[in-house]
Protein backbone atom coordinates (compact mmCIF):
# COMPACT_ATOMS: atom_id res chain seq x y z
CA UNK A 1 -1.93 -3.74 34.36
CA UNK A 2 -1.59 -6.64 31.92
CA UNK A 3 -1.52 -10.13 33.38
CA UNK A 4 0.76 -12.86 32.00
CA UNK A 5 -0.95 -16.24 31.69
CA UNK A 6 0.24 -19.64 30.57
CA UNK A 7 -0.58 -23.02 32.07
CA UNK A 8 0.46 -25.46 29.33
CA UNK A 9 -0.20 -22.99 26.52
CA UNK A 10 1.77 -20.15 24.99
CA UNK A 11 2.35 -17.47 27.63
CA UNK A 12 0.35 -14.39 26.79
CA UNK A 13 -0.86 -11.12 28.24
CA UNK A 14 -4.48 -10.47 29.21
CA UNK A 15 -5.93 -7.07 30.06
CA UNK A 16 -8.55 -6.91 32.85
CA UNK A 17 -10.02 -3.52 33.63
CA UNK A 18 -8.86 -2.22 37.01
CA UNK A 19 -12.31 -0.77 37.68
CA UNK A 20 -14.96 -3.26 36.47
CA UNK A 21 -13.01 -6.40 35.61
CA UNK A 22 -13.91 -6.41 31.90
CA UNK A 23 -11.13 -6.25 29.29
CA UNK A 24 -9.43 -3.04 28.23
CA UNK A 25 -8.08 -2.34 24.73
CA UNK A 26 -5.56 0.10 23.34
CA UNK A 27 -7.41 3.23 22.25
CA UNK A 28 -6.03 4.60 18.99
CA UNK A 29 -4.28 7.94 19.34
CA UNK A 30 -4.61 8.15 23.12
CA UNK A 31 -1.73 6.21 24.61
CA UNK A 32 -4.14 4.52 27.02
CA UNK A 33 -5.89 1.17 27.51
CA UNK A 34 -9.61 1.94 27.67
CA UNK A 35 -12.51 -0.18 28.88
CA UNK A 36 -15.35 -0.21 26.31
CA UNK A 37 -17.89 -0.83 29.10
CA UNK A 38 -17.12 1.55 31.97
CA UNK A 39 -14.81 3.92 30.09
CA UNK A 40 -11.98 3.55 32.59
CA UNK A 41 -8.58 4.44 31.05
CA UNK A 42 -5.26 2.95 32.08
CA UNK A 43 -1.96 4.40 30.90
CA UNK A 44 0.16 2.17 28.67
CA UNK A 45 3.13 0.95 30.68
CA UNK A 46 6.40 2.59 29.69
CA UNK A 47 8.62 0.11 27.84
CA UNK A 48 11.82 1.99 28.59
CA UNK A 49 14.89 2.30 26.38
CA UNK A 50 15.19 3.47 22.79
CA UNK A 51 14.40 1.76 19.51
CA UNK A 52 17.59 -0.10 18.59
CA UNK A 53 19.09 -1.52 15.43
CA UNK A 54 20.50 -5.07 15.66
CA UNK A 55 23.60 -6.54 14.01
CA UNK A 56 22.52 -8.66 11.05
CA UNK A 57 25.75 -10.69 11.00
CA UNK A 58 25.07 -11.85 14.54
CA UNK A 59 21.54 -12.89 13.59
CA UNK A 60 22.76 -14.79 10.52
CA UNK A 61 25.32 -16.69 12.64
CA UNK A 62 22.71 -17.63 15.25
CA UNK A 63 20.98 -21.02 15.27
CA UNK A 64 17.34 -20.10 15.48
CA UNK A 65 14.86 -22.81 16.44
CA UNK A 66 12.01 -23.39 14.02
CA UNK A 67 8.92 -21.56 15.22
CA UNK A 68 5.74 -23.63 15.56
CA UNK A 69 3.16 -23.07 12.82
CA UNK A 70 0.54 -22.19 15.45
CA UNK A 71 0.27 -21.75 19.19
CA UNK A 72 -2.51 -22.05 21.75
CA UNK A 73 -4.09 -19.29 23.80
CA UNK A 74 -6.11 -19.97 26.92
CA UNK A 75 -8.30 -16.92 27.52
CA UNK A 76 -7.74 -15.46 30.96
CA UNK A 77 -11.35 -14.23 31.06
CA UNK A 78 -13.49 -17.18 29.96
CA UNK A 79 -10.91 -19.99 29.85
CA UNK A 80 -11.61 -20.88 26.20
CA UNK A 81 -8.77 -22.36 24.15
CA UNK A 82 -7.82 -20.77 20.82
CA UNK A 83 -5.29 -22.08 18.30
CA UNK A 84 -3.78 -19.31 16.20
CA UNK A 85 -0.73 -18.13 14.28
CA UNK A 86 -1.30 -14.49 15.32
CA UNK A 87 0.79 -12.68 17.90
CA UNK A 88 -2.34 -10.96 19.16
CA UNK A 89 -6.07 -11.26 18.66
CA UNK A 90 -9.36 -11.31 20.51
CA UNK A 91 -10.83 -14.40 22.12
CA UNK A 92 -13.34 -15.91 19.69
CA UNK A 93 -15.77 -16.61 22.53
CA UNK A 94 -15.76 -13.57 24.83
CA UNK A 95 -13.81 -10.99 22.78
CA UNK A 96 -11.09 -10.43 25.40
CA UNK A 97 -7.74 -9.28 23.94
CA UNK A 98 -4.80 -11.69 24.11
CA UNK A 99 -1.18 -10.85 23.25
CA UNK A 100 1.38 -13.65 22.97
CA UNK A 101 4.73 -13.50 24.74
CA UNK A 102 7.00 -13.59 21.67
CA UNK A 103 10.12 -14.79 23.48
CA UNK A 104 8.85 -18.36 23.83
CA UNK A 105 7.88 -18.80 20.17
CA UNK A 106 11.35 -18.97 18.61
CA UNK A 107 10.72 -15.82 16.57
CA UNK A 108 12.70 -12.62 16.16
CA UNK A 109 11.18 -10.27 18.70
CA UNK A 110 9.65 -6.97 17.55
CA UNK A 111 11.89 -4.04 18.37
CA UNK A 112 9.40 -1.26 17.67
CA UNK A 113 5.75 -0.56 17.03
CA UNK A 114 3.98 2.35 15.39
CA UNK A 115 0.79 2.47 17.51
CA UNK A 116 -2.67 2.97 16.00
CA UNK A 117 -3.49 6.67 15.73
CA UNK A 118 -6.54 6.55 13.37
CA UNK A 119 -9.59 5.36 15.30
CA UNK A 120 -12.58 3.55 13.81
CA UNK A 121 -14.78 6.64 13.11
CA UNK A 122 -11.89 8.42 11.37
CA UNK A 123 -11.14 5.29 9.37
CA UNK A 124 -14.79 5.05 8.28
CA UNK A 125 -14.75 8.68 7.16
CA UNK A 126 -11.64 8.04 5.06
CA UNK A 127 -13.31 4.99 3.51
CA UNK A 128 -16.46 6.99 2.70
CA UNK A 129 -14.41 9.62 0.87
CA UNK A 130 -12.54 6.90 -1.01
CA UNK A 131 -15.77 5.15 -2.05
CA UNK A 132 -17.33 8.43 -3.28
CA UNK A 133 -14.31 9.04 -5.50
CA UNK A 134 -14.56 5.63 -7.22
CA UNK A 135 -16.36 6.37 -10.49
CA UNK A 136 -18.41 3.56 -12.03
CA UNK A 137 -18.06 1.40 -8.91
CA UNK A 138 -20.95 -0.94 -8.03
CA UNK A 139 -23.26 0.00 -5.17
CA UNK A 140 -21.91 -3.00 -3.25
CA UNK A 141 -18.69 -1.04 -2.68
CA UNK A 142 -20.54 1.02 -0.06
CA UNK A 143 -20.58 -2.04 2.18
CA UNK A 144 -16.86 -1.65 2.76
CA UNK A 145 -17.60 1.41 4.92
CA UNK A 146 -19.61 -0.49 7.55
CA UNK A 147 -17.89 -0.86 10.89
CA UNK A 148 -18.14 -4.64 10.87
CA UNK A 149 -16.20 -4.96 7.61
CA UNK A 150 -12.91 -3.49 8.86
CA UNK A 151 -10.52 -4.74 11.52
CA UNK A 152 -7.29 -3.32 12.87
CA UNK A 153 -4.12 -5.30 12.16
CA UNK A 154 -0.45 -4.78 12.94
CA UNK A 155 1.63 -5.93 9.96
CA UNK A 156 5.28 -7.00 10.47
CA UNK A 157 7.95 -5.14 8.52
CA UNK A 158 11.72 -5.34 8.46
CA UNK A 159 13.92 -2.27 8.28
CA UNK A 160 17.55 -2.45 7.18
CA UNK A 161 20.47 -0.04 7.48
CA UNK A 162 23.72 -0.50 5.55
CA UNK A 163 26.89 1.20 4.44
CA UNK A 164 27.49 0.49 0.75
CA UNK A 165 30.53 0.86 -1.48
CA UNK A 166 30.02 0.28 -5.20
CA UNK A 167 32.56 -0.07 -8.02
CA UNK A 168 31.10 0.53 -11.46
CA UNK A 169 32.05 0.47 -15.14
CA UNK A 170 30.19 2.26 -17.89
CA UNK A 171 30.34 4.99 -20.51
CA UNK A 172 30.03 8.77 -20.52
CA UNK A 173 28.34 10.35 -23.50
CA UNK A 174 29.08 13.93 -24.57
CA UNK A 175 26.92 15.62 -27.19
CA UNK A 176 28.24 17.66 -30.09
CA UNK A 177 26.66 19.15 -33.21
CA UNK A 178 27.53 18.72 -36.89
CA UNK A 179 26.20 20.42 -39.98
CA UNK A 180 24.61 18.11 -42.51
CA UNK A 181 23.68 18.90 -46.11
CA UNK A 182 20.54 17.43 -47.60
CA UNK A 183 18.43 17.86 -50.73
CA UNK A 184 14.72 18.61 -50.95
CA UNK A 185 12.26 19.05 -53.83
CA UNK A 186 9.97 22.06 -53.96
CA UNK A 187 6.37 22.15 -55.24
CA UNK A 188 7.56 22.71 -58.81
CA UNK A 189 9.86 19.70 -58.81
CA UNK A 190 13.11 21.63 -58.45
CA UNK A 191 15.87 20.30 -56.19
CA UNK A 192 17.17 22.49 -53.39
CA UNK A 193 20.20 21.98 -51.17
CA UNK A 194 19.81 22.86 -47.47
CA UNK A 195 21.74 22.36 -44.22
CA UNK A 196 20.72 21.38 -40.73
CA UNK A 197 22.35 20.87 -37.31
CA UNK A 198 22.38 17.26 -36.10
CA UNK A 199 23.24 16.13 -32.58
CA UNK A 200 25.85 13.39 -32.23
CA UNK A 201 27.31 11.70 -29.14
CA UNK A 202 30.90 10.74 -28.39
CA UNK A 203 31.25 7.89 -25.90
CA UNK A 204 34.14 7.52 -23.46
CA UNK A 205 34.82 4.64 -21.07
CA UNK A 206 34.10 5.41 -17.40
CA UNK A 207 34.73 3.67 -14.12
CA UNK A 208 34.68 4.74 -10.51
CA UNK A 209 33.48 4.13 -6.94
CA UNK A 210 30.51 5.55 -5.08
CA UNK A 211 29.43 5.14 -1.46
CA UNK A 212 26.10 5.63 0.27
CA UNK A 213 24.58 5.02 3.70
CA UNK A 214 21.04 3.58 3.70
CA UNK A 215 18.72 4.05 6.65
CA UNK A 216 15.45 2.22 7.39
CA UNK A 217 14.92 0.50 4.05
CA UNK A 218 11.43 -0.89 4.62
CA UNK A 219 10.48 -4.44 3.59
CA UNK A 220 7.11 -6.10 4.24
CA UNK A 221 7.45 -9.12 6.50
CA UNK A 222 4.18 -10.72 5.43
CA UNK A 223 2.87 -12.14 2.18
CA UNK A 224 -0.75 -12.08 3.30
CA UNK A 225 -1.32 -8.56 2.03
CA UNK A 226 -0.67 -7.54 -1.58
CA UNK A 227 2.79 -5.90 -1.64
CA UNK A 228 1.76 -3.31 -4.24
CA UNK A 229 -0.97 -2.10 -1.88
CA UNK A 230 1.37 -1.95 1.10
CA UNK A 231 3.87 0.05 -0.95
CA UNK A 232 1.20 2.66 -1.71
CA UNK A 233 0.57 3.21 2.01
CA UNK A 234 4.03 4.79 2.31
CA UNK A 235 5.50 6.99 3.54
CA UNK A 236 5.22 5.95 7.18
CA UNK A 237 6.31 8.25 10.01
CA UNK A 238 8.93 5.75 11.20
CA UNK A 239 10.57 8.35 13.40
CA UNK A 240 7.47 8.18 15.62
CA UNK A 241 7.87 4.45 16.31
CA UNK A 242 7.89 3.47 19.98
CA UNK A 243 9.85 0.73 21.70
CA UNK A 244 7.83 -2.48 21.49
CA UNK A 245 5.27 -2.81 24.27
CA UNK A 246 2.62 -5.58 24.19
CA UNK A 247 0.00 -3.14 25.50
CA UNK A 248 -0.16 -1.43 22.11
CA UNK A 249 -1.42 -4.69 20.59
CA UNK A 250 -4.34 -5.21 22.97
CA UNK A 251 -7.60 -5.38 20.99
CA UNK A 252 -5.93 -5.71 17.57
CA UNK A 253 -4.71 -8.58 15.43
CA UNK A 254 -0.97 -8.90 14.89
CA UNK A 255 0.42 -11.09 12.12
CA UNK A 256 3.60 -13.10 12.56
CA UNK A 257 6.24 -12.54 9.89
CA UNK A 258 6.45 -15.16 7.14
CA UNK A 259 9.31 -13.42 5.31
CA UNK A 260 12.53 -14.41 7.06
CA UNK A 261 15.08 -11.63 7.71
CA UNK A 262 17.56 -13.14 5.22
CA UNK A 263 14.94 -12.98 2.45
CA UNK A 264 14.00 -9.49 3.62
CA UNK A 265 17.61 -8.31 3.23
CA UNK A 266 17.64 -9.56 -0.36
CA UNK A 267 14.51 -7.49 -1.07
CA UNK A 268 16.13 -4.48 0.63
CA UNK A 269 19.21 -4.81 -1.58
CA UNK A 270 16.91 -4.82 -4.59
CA UNK A 271 15.48 -1.50 -3.38
CA UNK A 272 18.96 -0.07 -2.86
CA UNK A 273 20.17 -1.06 -6.35
CA UNK A 274 18.42 1.69 -8.43
CA UNK A 275 19.54 4.34 -5.93
CA UNK A 276 23.13 3.14 -6.26
CA UNK A 277 22.86 3.13 -10.06
CA UNK A 278 21.66 6.74 -10.00
CA UNK A 279 24.71 7.59 -7.88
CA UNK A 280 26.91 5.94 -10.52
CA UNK A 281 25.28 7.95 -13.32
CA UNK A 282 25.84 11.20 -11.44
CA UNK A 283 29.46 10.22 -10.83
CA UNK A 284 30.00 9.45 -14.54
CA UNK A 285 28.79 12.91 -15.54
CA UNK A 286 28.58 14.06 -19.15
CA UNK A 287 25.35 14.53 -21.06
CA UNK A 288 24.20 10.90 -21.03
CA UNK A 289 25.44 7.85 -19.17
CA UNK A 290 25.47 4.08 -19.50
CA UNK A 291 26.16 1.85 -16.49
CA UNK A 292 27.37 -1.58 -17.57
CA UNK A 293 28.26 -3.24 -14.28
CA UNK A 294 28.01 -2.44 -10.56
CA UNK A 295 29.72 -4.45 -7.80
CA UNK A 296 28.41 -3.44 -4.36
CA UNK A 297 29.77 -4.45 -0.96
CA UNK A 298 27.66 -4.05 2.19
CA UNK A 299 28.96 -3.36 5.69
CA UNK A 300 27.54 -2.46 9.09
CA UNK A 301 24.22 -4.08 8.12
CA UNK A 302 21.63 -3.78 10.87
CA UNK A 303 17.96 -4.67 11.11
CA UNK A 304 14.88 -4.43 13.29
CA UNK A 305 11.40 -5.91 13.25
CA UNK A 306 8.73 -3.21 13.23
CA UNK A 307 4.93 -3.50 13.53
CA UNK A 308 2.89 -1.07 11.40
CA UNK A 309 -0.85 -0.40 11.93
CA UNK A 310 -3.39 -0.94 9.14
CA UNK A 311 -7.17 -1.07 8.95
CA UNK A 312 -8.17 -3.85 6.55
CA UNK A 313 -11.63 -4.10 4.97
CA UNK A 314 -12.59 -7.01 2.72
CA UNK A 315 -15.80 -7.47 0.74
CA UNK A 316 -17.16 -9.82 -1.92
CA UNK A 317 -18.41 -8.78 -5.35
CA UNK A 318 -19.21 -11.19 -8.15
CA UNK A 319 -17.83 -14.05 -6.09
CA UNK A 320 -14.40 -12.39 -5.86
CA UNK A 321 -12.89 -10.89 -2.67
CA UNK A 322 -11.63 -7.30 -2.78
CA UNK A 323 -9.34 -5.76 -0.16
CA UNK A 324 -9.02 -2.14 0.95
CA UNK A 325 -6.30 -0.89 3.30
CA UNK A 326 -6.19 2.25 5.44
CA UNK A 327 -2.92 3.54 6.88
CA UNK A 328 -3.76 3.82 10.59
CA UNK A 329 -1.33 6.71 11.05
CA UNK A 330 -2.08 8.91 8.01
CA UNK A 331 -5.60 7.68 6.95
CA UNK A 332 -4.30 7.05 3.41
CA UNK A 333 -6.61 4.59 1.59
CA UNK A 334 -5.55 2.14 -1.12
CA UNK A 335 -7.16 -0.97 -2.47
CA UNK A 336 -8.95 -2.88 -5.16
CA UNK A 337 -12.23 -1.82 -6.68
CA UNK A 338 -14.61 -3.56 -9.10
CA UNK A 339 -16.26 -1.84 -12.07
CA UNK A 340 -20.00 -1.72 -12.62
CA UNK A 341 -20.76 -2.82 -16.19
CA UNK A 342 -24.29 -1.38 -16.20
CA UNK A 343 -23.11 2.01 -14.89
CA UNK A 344 -20.47 2.21 -17.62
CA UNK A 345 -23.02 1.17 -20.26
CA UNK A 346 -25.52 3.76 -19.04
CA UNK A 347 -22.84 6.48 -19.09
CA UNK A 348 -21.86 5.57 -22.66
CA UNK A 349 -25.49 5.64 -23.80
CA UNK A 350 -26.06 8.98 -22.06
CA UNK A 351 -22.99 10.40 -23.80
CA UNK A 352 -24.26 9.16 -27.16
CA UNK A 353 -27.65 10.78 -26.55
CA UNK A 354 -25.98 14.10 -25.67
CA UNK A 355 -23.79 13.97 -28.79
CA UNK A 356 -26.78 13.11 -30.99
CA UNK A 357 -28.79 15.96 -29.50
CA UNK A 358 -25.99 18.42 -30.23
CA UNK A 359 -25.70 17.20 -33.83
CA UNK A 360 -29.47 17.40 -34.25
CA UNK A 361 -29.56 20.97 -32.93
CA UNK A 362 -26.71 22.05 -35.22
CA UNK A 363 -28.37 20.46 -38.31
CA UNK A 364 -31.72 22.02 -37.45
CA UNK A 365 -30.17 25.45 -37.05
CA UNK A 366 -28.42 25.18 -40.40
CA UNK A 367 -31.56 23.98 -42.25
CA UNK A 368 -33.80 26.60 -40.68
CA UNK A 369 -36.54 23.99 -40.64
CA UNK A 370 -37.13 20.67 -39.05
CA UNK A 371 -34.68 17.83 -38.49
CA UNK A 372 -35.35 14.29 -37.49
CA UNK A 373 -32.86 11.96 -35.86
CA UNK A 374 -33.88 8.33 -35.74
CA UNK A 375 -32.30 5.71 -33.45
CA UNK A 376 -33.30 2.38 -34.89
CA UNK A 377 -32.85 -0.94 -33.17
CA UNK A 378 -32.31 0.50 -29.65
CA UNK A 379 -34.82 1.45 -27.03
CA UNK A 380 -33.42 3.73 -24.38
CA UNK A 381 -36.37 3.16 -22.08
CA UNK A 382 -37.54 -0.32 -22.96
CA UNK A 383 -36.05 -3.70 -23.79
CA UNK A 384 -32.60 -3.28 -25.47
CA UNK A 385 -33.52 -6.12 -27.82
CA UNK A 386 -36.68 -4.51 -29.15
CA UNK A 387 -36.97 -2.64 -32.47
CA UNK A 388 -38.43 0.52 -30.99
CA UNK A 389 -37.27 3.88 -32.29
CA UNK A 390 -36.72 7.21 -30.62
CA UNK A 391 -37.39 10.24 -32.86
CA UNK A 392 -36.32 13.72 -31.95
CA UNK A 393 -38.03 16.57 -33.83
CA UNK A 394 -36.74 20.07 -34.22
CA UNK A 395 -39.19 22.71 -35.22
CA UNK A 396 -38.44 25.75 -37.36
CA UNK A 397 -36.07 28.21 -35.81
CA UNK A 398 -34.54 25.77 -33.30
């Protein structure tokens, strides 16, 4: 069982092993807390209840105290003090997992968590496949596969539900065809009159109302990870999310949200907008549509804070950090990659050699004798700045 500790610091959970006294951690994909020393497994305590949506209007009307920038952990195993802005992490001295009690931090409490399902070996295999598929990547990219380079992190996300009603104005275009007469000149300079069918469009004013219900519009709650990378990790199996239970966080880092729910709702509305515009276009009908203005009202807006699991690997190349993410539910890999200039150069030179060899062979075959191709000013095997030459000879009949 987890123990709740405090004593002048932020209250947090610690996880002593019931069998040997060491610390247990959540084992990805198992639903258990496992001791890395004796192997003893403890079942994650049932949180009870269902994942709920919360009324956004009530949250907006609430006076929320400002959360402290950081908080202090006192490790229940070694007693060391750690100052952090994470909701969970390992003790920097003994490695014991610590999970903060969110209620005392003045933050919106997580409602749900999607527990880690991809363990470290599976994550490494996914990274290896990703690295192999990166053409012209430097050899340093292989370092991202090492176990020490990746760490498991829960990233905060907001989800929003809403009923929308949108009034629009625009135009409906309907195509029709007309016959046009035009004149051409033939090869002998004579004029000829011909006809052709030309498509035209008649435009009619359009207005109307569309309605749509949105469910679980996902918005990243952190700015610490590149949003374009997080977006590529979708889709997430959100229907498999479990009611928040601190045990799931044991042994992993968990970031606090730095995107407030009000800002998150604005982002969610931006994601809803193109869907609503498509609804307007379908409602307009015709062959083509133009939407000039959309006025949307939102009702029954609800939210929840959800923690999503990601393996994050970071490495340096050329003095610049590169980040690779692995979806810890689906093993999807996305991230940045550098390009190896010398590998690209070598590939270009090799391609030029192949092309030259083909040309040489074709010329030799046509001449029925010998052909010589000279590459002046470039040494393929020596110093690129030298004036060596490479001569290829084709004998008769080649």
